[in-house]
Amino acid sequence: EAATFAREQGFETEDIKEIARKTQALPKVNTKRQRIVVFTQGKDDTVLATENEVTTFPVLVSDQSEIVDTNGAGDAFVGG
């Protein structure tokens, strides 16, 4: 999804960190709060971009027996 967004925006890169950085820097209507960009990538590192930096976080591996339901997992992850 990030790569498709990048192409549509004309970012001319496939590097996920650079896509996150460029997405974070896009103009905003509400300039009172900074934009924070989070890209999840399944089992691959999660990418977080703020105004000052791009950081990656490894995905924690859970035992399949601990997973009850994955509905809404992505929304809950990003929402905190």
Protein backbone atom coordinates (compact mmCIF):
# COMPACT_ATOMS: atom_id res chain seq x y z
CA GLU A 1 0.00 0.00 0.00
CA ALA A 2 2.81 2.43 0.84
CA ALA A 3 4.50 1.76 -2.50
CA THR A 4 1.26 2.41 -4.38
CA PHE A 5 0.70 5.64 -2.42
CA ALA A 6 4.28 6.70 -3.21
CA ARG A 7 3.77 6.11 -6.93
CA GLU A 8 0.52 8.08 -6.91
CA GLN A 9 2.25 10.95 -5.10
CA GLY A 10 5.21 10.90 -7.50
CA PHE A 11 7.75 10.16 -4.76
CA GLU A 12 10.01 8.20 -7.17
CA THR A 13 11.32 5.83 -4.49
CA GLU A 14 10.50 2.34 -3.27
CA ASP A 15 12.42 2.71 0.00
CA ILE A 16 9.82 2.36 2.77
CA LYS A 17 11.65 4.73 5.14
CA GLU A 18 11.87 7.41 2.46
CA ILE A 19 8.19 6.94 1.62
CA ALA A 20 7.33 7.40 5.30
CA ARG A 21 9.49 10.54 5.52
CA LYS A 22 7.96 12.06 2.41
CA THR A 23 4.44 11.16 3.52
CA GLN A 24 5.02 12.80 6.90
CA ALA A 25 6.23 15.98 5.18
CA LEU A 26 3.14 16.39 2.97
CA PRO A 27 1.21 19.64 3.54
CA LYS A 28 -1.47 19.58 6.25
CA VAL A 29 -4.60 21.64 6.81
CA ASN A 30 -4.24 21.44 10.62
CA THR A 31 -0.72 22.66 11.32
CA LYS A 32 -1.20 22.77 15.11
CA ARG A 33 -0.19 19.12 15.40
CA GLN A 34 2.47 17.24 13.53
CA ARG A 35 1.65 14.29 11.32
CA ILE A 36 2.93 10.93 12.50
CA VAL A 37 3.13 8.18 9.87
CA VAL A 38 3.07 4.49 10.81
CA PHE A 39 3.56 1.74 8.24
CA THR A 40 3.02 -1.82 9.40
CA GLN A 41 4.45 -4.55 7.19
CA GLY A 42 3.22 -7.84 8.58
CA LYS A 43 6.18 -9.73 10.01
CA ASP A 44 8.65 -7.07 8.81
CA ASP A 45 9.66 -4.03 10.86
CA THR A 46 7.10 -1.32 11.59
CA VAL A 47 8.16 2.11 10.30
CA LEU A 48 7.34 5.31 12.21
CA ALA A 49 8.03 8.78 10.81
CA THR A 50 7.80 12.00 12.80
CA GLU A 51 8.82 15.52 11.91
CA ASN A 52 12.38 14.83 13.10
CA GLU A 53 13.15 11.18 12.39
CA VAL A 54 12.21 7.86 10.84
CA THR A 55 12.48 4.87 13.17
CA THR A 56 11.89 1.16 12.66
CA PHE A 57 10.68 -1.28 15.29
CA PRO A 58 10.95 -5.07 15.08
CA VAL A 59 7.72 -7.01 15.25
CA LEU A 60 7.35 -9.12 18.37
CA VAL A 61 6.62 -12.76 17.67
CA SER A 62 3.60 -14.19 19.50
CA ASP A 63 2.83 -17.84 19.97
CA GLN A 64 -0.18 -18.78 17.83
CA SER A 65 -1.89 -20.23 20.91
CA GLU A 66 -1.99 -16.72 22.45
CA ILE A 67 -3.94 -15.20 19.54
CA VAL A 68 -7.68 -15.13 20.16
CA ASP A 69 -8.92 -12.79 17.42
CA THR A 70 -7.10 -10.51 14.96
CA ASN A 71 -10.10 -8.31 14.04
CA GLY A 72 -9.15 -4.69 14.60
CA ALA A 73 -5.56 -5.52 15.54
CA GLY A 74 -4.07 -2.95 13.17
CA ASP A 75 -6.43 -0.19 14.32
CA ALA A 76 -5.72 -0.99 17.96
CA PHE A 77 -1.97 -1.04 17.30
CA VAL A 78 -1.90 2.40 15.68
CA GLY A 79 -4.48 3.89 18.06
CA GLY A 80 -2.53 2.81 21.12
